[in-house]
Amino acid sequence: MSPNDEKNDEKVFEIACPHCGTVIWVDGENRNVLKTERGARKKESLDDLLAREKTKRDGMATKFEATASLEKQKKDRAKDAFEKAFAASGEEPPGKD
């Protein structure tokens, strides 16, 4: 290894992704990606995959219900504010018989 190669190695940064395990090498001087290596993927069983999808689906149902409840609360507050505004003006809201 020549002294010039040693200087170049000092300017190359190795970065590993903690999530997927991919490793990239970046030239610090030129800011170029020199090399990438994908991390080894963990093999999952079909049962694990199905359990994860069921959990995700159940979470979506819960989120949907919470969103629907919030929308109903917003609608009720808007209706109350509308009725109060009409009451303050002395008029009857449209649609009331």
C-alpha atoms as a PDB file:
ATOM      1  CA  MET A   1       0.000   0.000   0.000  1.00  0.00           C
ATOM      2  CA  SER A   2       1.470   3.352  -0.989  1.00  0.00           C
ATOM      3  CA  PRO A   3       1.241   6.459   1.229  1.00  0.00           C
ATOM      4  CA  ASN A   4      -1.217   7.940  -1.281  1.00  0.00           C
ATOM      5  CA  ASP A   5      -3.621   4.990  -0.821  1.00  0.00           C
ATOM      6  CA  GLU A   6      -3.460   5.450   2.947  1.00  0.00           C
ATOM      7  CA  LYS A   7      -4.535   9.096   2.583  1.00  0.00           C
ATOM      8  CA  ASN A   8      -7.478   8.062   0.390  1.00  0.00           C
ATOM      9  CA  ASP A   9      -8.625   5.474   2.969  1.00  0.00           C
ATOM     10  CA  GLU A  10      -8.768   8.205   5.624  1.00  0.00           C
ATOM     11  CA  LYS A  11     -11.244  10.158   3.490  1.00  0.00           C
ATOM     12  CA  VAL A  12     -13.587   7.226   2.880  1.00  0.00           C
ATOM     13  CA  PHE A  13     -16.432   6.826   5.372  1.00  0.00           C
ATOM     14  CA  GLU A  14     -18.245   3.559   5.985  1.00  0.00           C
ATOM     15  CA  ILE A  15     -21.882   4.027   6.992  1.00  0.00           C
ATOM     16  CA  ALA A  16     -24.131   1.169   8.130  1.00  0.00           C
ATOM     17  CA  CYS A  17     -27.912   1.507   8.278  1.00  0.00           C
ATOM     18  CA  PRO A  18     -29.165   0.216  11.639  1.00  0.00           C
ATOM     19  CA  HIS A  19     -32.572  -0.615  10.156  1.00  0.00           C
ATOM     20  CA  CYS A  20     -31.799  -2.637   7.026  1.00  0.00           C
ATOM     21  CA  GLY A  21     -28.101  -3.418   7.525  1.00  0.00           C
ATOM     22  CA  THR A  22     -26.992  -1.879   4.213  1.00  0.00           C
ATOM     23  CA  VAL A  23     -23.423  -0.569   4.243  1.00  0.00           C
ATOM     24  CA  ILE A  24     -22.253   2.276   1.995  1.00  0.00           C
ATOM     25  CA  TRP A  25     -18.807   3.732   1.521  1.00  0.00           C
ATOM     26  CA  VAL A  26     -18.652   7.468   0.778  1.00  0.00           C
ATOM     27  CA  ASP A  27     -15.646   9.459  -0.446  1.00  0.00           C
ATOM     28  CA  GLY A  28     -15.485  12.404   1.962  1.00  0.00           C
ATOM     29  CA  GLU A  29     -13.592  14.615  -0.448  1.00  0.00           C
ATOM     30  CA  ASN A  30     -15.701  14.130  -3.603  1.00  0.00           C
ATOM     31  CA  ARG A  31     -18.880  13.177  -1.722  1.00  0.00           C
ATOM     32  CA  ASN A  32     -19.499  10.230  -4.028  1.00  0.00           C
ATOM     33  CA  VAL A  33     -20.829   6.832  -3.062  1.00  0.00           C
ATOM     34  CA  LEU A  34     -18.044   4.394  -3.833  1.00  0.00           C
ATOM     35  CA  LYS A  35     -19.675   1.080  -2.957  1.00  0.00           C
ATOM     36  CA  THR A  36     -22.824  -0.370  -1.405  1.00  0.00           C
ATOM     37  CA  GLU A  37     -23.575  -3.761   0.110  1.00  0.00           C
ATOM     38  CA  ARG A  38     -27.039  -4.850   1.096  1.00  0.00           C
ATOM     39  CA  GLY A  39     -27.403  -6.430   4.494  1.00  0.00           C
ATOM     40  CA  ALA A  40     -28.530 -10.004   4.908  1.00  0.00           C
ATOM     41  CA  ARG A  41     -32.295 -10.253   5.210  1.00  0.00           C
ATOM     42  CA  LYS A  42     -33.775 -12.314   7.969  1.00  0.00           C
ATOM     43  CA  LYS A  43     -35.907 -15.186   6.711  1.00  0.00           C
ATOM     44  CA  GLU A  44     -39.433 -15.085   8.105  1.00  0.00           C
ATOM     45  CA  SER A  45     -41.943 -17.847   8.296  1.00  0.00           C
ATOM     46  CA  LEU A  46     -45.361 -17.530   6.731  1.00  0.00           C
ATOM     47  CA  ASP A  47     -46.938 -17.585  10.196  1.00  0.00           C
ATOM     48  CA  ASP A  48     -44.833 -14.569  11.274  1.00  0.00           C
ATOM     49  CA  LEU A  49     -45.833 -12.686   8.139  1.00  0.00           C
ATOM     50  CA  LEU A  50     -49.531 -13.444   8.636  1.00  0.00           C
ATOM     51  CA  ALA A  51     -49.377 -12.418  12.308  1.00  0.00           C
ATOM     52  CA  ARG A  52     -47.718  -9.104  11.396  1.00  0.00           C
ATOM     53  CA  GLU A  53     -50.324  -8.397   8.697  1.00  0.00           C
ATOM     54  CA  LYS A  54     -53.177  -9.210  11.114  1.00  0.00           C
ATOM     55  CA  THR A  55     -51.718  -6.792  13.670  1.00  0.00           C
ATOM     56  CA  LYS A  56     -51.410  -4.120  10.978  1.00  0.00           C
ATOM     57  CA  ARG A  57     -55.009  -4.713   9.829  1.00  0.00           C
ATOM     58  CA  ASP A  58     -56.325  -4.502  13.403  1.00  0.00           C
ATOM     59  CA  GLY A  59     -54.398  -1.277  13.901  1.00  0.00           C
ATOM     60  CA  MET A  60     -55.955   0.193  10.775  1.00  0.00           C
ATOM     61  CA  ALA A  61     -59.448  -0.634  12.019  1.00  0.00           C
ATOM     62  CA  THR A  62     -58.711   1.086  15.326  1.00  0.00           C
ATOM     63  CA  LYS A  63     -57.349   4.153  13.553  1.00  0.00           C
ATOM     64  CA  PHE A  64     -60.394   4.277  11.298  1.00  0.00           C
ATOM     65  CA  GLU A  65     -62.764   4.156  14.258  1.00  0.00           C
ATOM     66  CA  ALA A  66     -60.825   6.892  16.062  1.00  0.00           C
ATOM     67  CA  THR A  67     -60.864   9.087  12.957  1.00  0.00           C
ATOM     68  CA  ALA A  68     -64.598   8.568  12.464  1.00  0.00           C
ATOM     69  CA  SER A  69     -65.214   9.492  16.105  1.00  0.00           C
ATOM     70  CA  LEU A  70     -63.142  12.680  15.790  1.00  0.00           C
ATOM     71  CA  GLU A  71     -65.007  13.679  12.635  1.00  0.00           C
ATOM     72  CA  LYS A  72     -68.348  13.172  14.394  1.00  0.00           C
ATOM     73  CA  GLN A  73     -67.176  15.336  17.310  1.00  0.00           C
ATOM     74  CA  LYS A  74     -66.054  18.079  14.898  1.00  0.00           C
ATOM     75  CA  LYS A  75     -69.398  17.959  13.106  1.00  0.00           C
ATOM     76  CA  ASP A  76     -71.309  18.176  16.413  1.00  0.00           C
ATOM     77  CA  ARG A  77     -69.217  21.167  17.570  1.00  0.00           C
ATOM     78  CA  ALA A  78     -69.736  22.936  14.253  1.00  0.00           C
ATOM     79  CA  LYS A  79     -73.503  22.298  14.448  1.00  0.00           C
ATOM     80  CA  ASP A  80     -73.623  23.678  18.010  1.00  0.00           C
ATOM     81  CA  ALA A  81     -71.639  26.773  17.003  1.00  0.00           C
ATOM     82  CA  PHE A  82     -73.940  27.296  14.007  1.00  0.00           C
ATOM     83  CA  GLU A  83     -77.053  27.053  16.184  1.00  0.00           C
ATOM     84  CA  LYS A  84     -75.573  29.444  18.779  1.00  0.00           C
ATOM     85  CA  ALA A  85     -74.736  31.956  16.057  1.00  0.00           C
ATOM     86  CA  PHE A  86     -78.299  31.860  14.752  1.00  0.00           C
ATOM     87  CA  ALA A  87     -79.718  32.126  18.278  1.00  0.00           C
ATOM     88  CA  ALA A  88     -77.556  35.187  18.922  1.00  0.00           C
ATOM     89  CA  SER A  89     -78.791  36.802  15.698  1.00  0.00           C
ATOM     90  CA  GLY A  90     -82.422  36.151  16.629  1.00  0.00           C
ATOM     91  CA  GLU A  91     -83.145  34.044  13.546  1.00  0.00           C
ATOM     92  CA  GLU A  92     -84.073  30.413  13.234  1.00  0.00           C
ATOM     93  CA  PRO A  93     -81.522  28.157  11.544  1.00  0.00           C
ATOM     94  CA  PRO A  94     -82.604  26.889   8.125  1.00  0.00           C
ATOM     95  CA  GLY A  95     -84.120  23.416   8.175  1.00  0.00           C
ATOM     96  CA  LYS A  96     -85.843  23.798  11.541  1.00  0.00           C
ATOM     97  CA  ASP A  97     -89.612  23.547  11.389  1.00  0.00           C
END
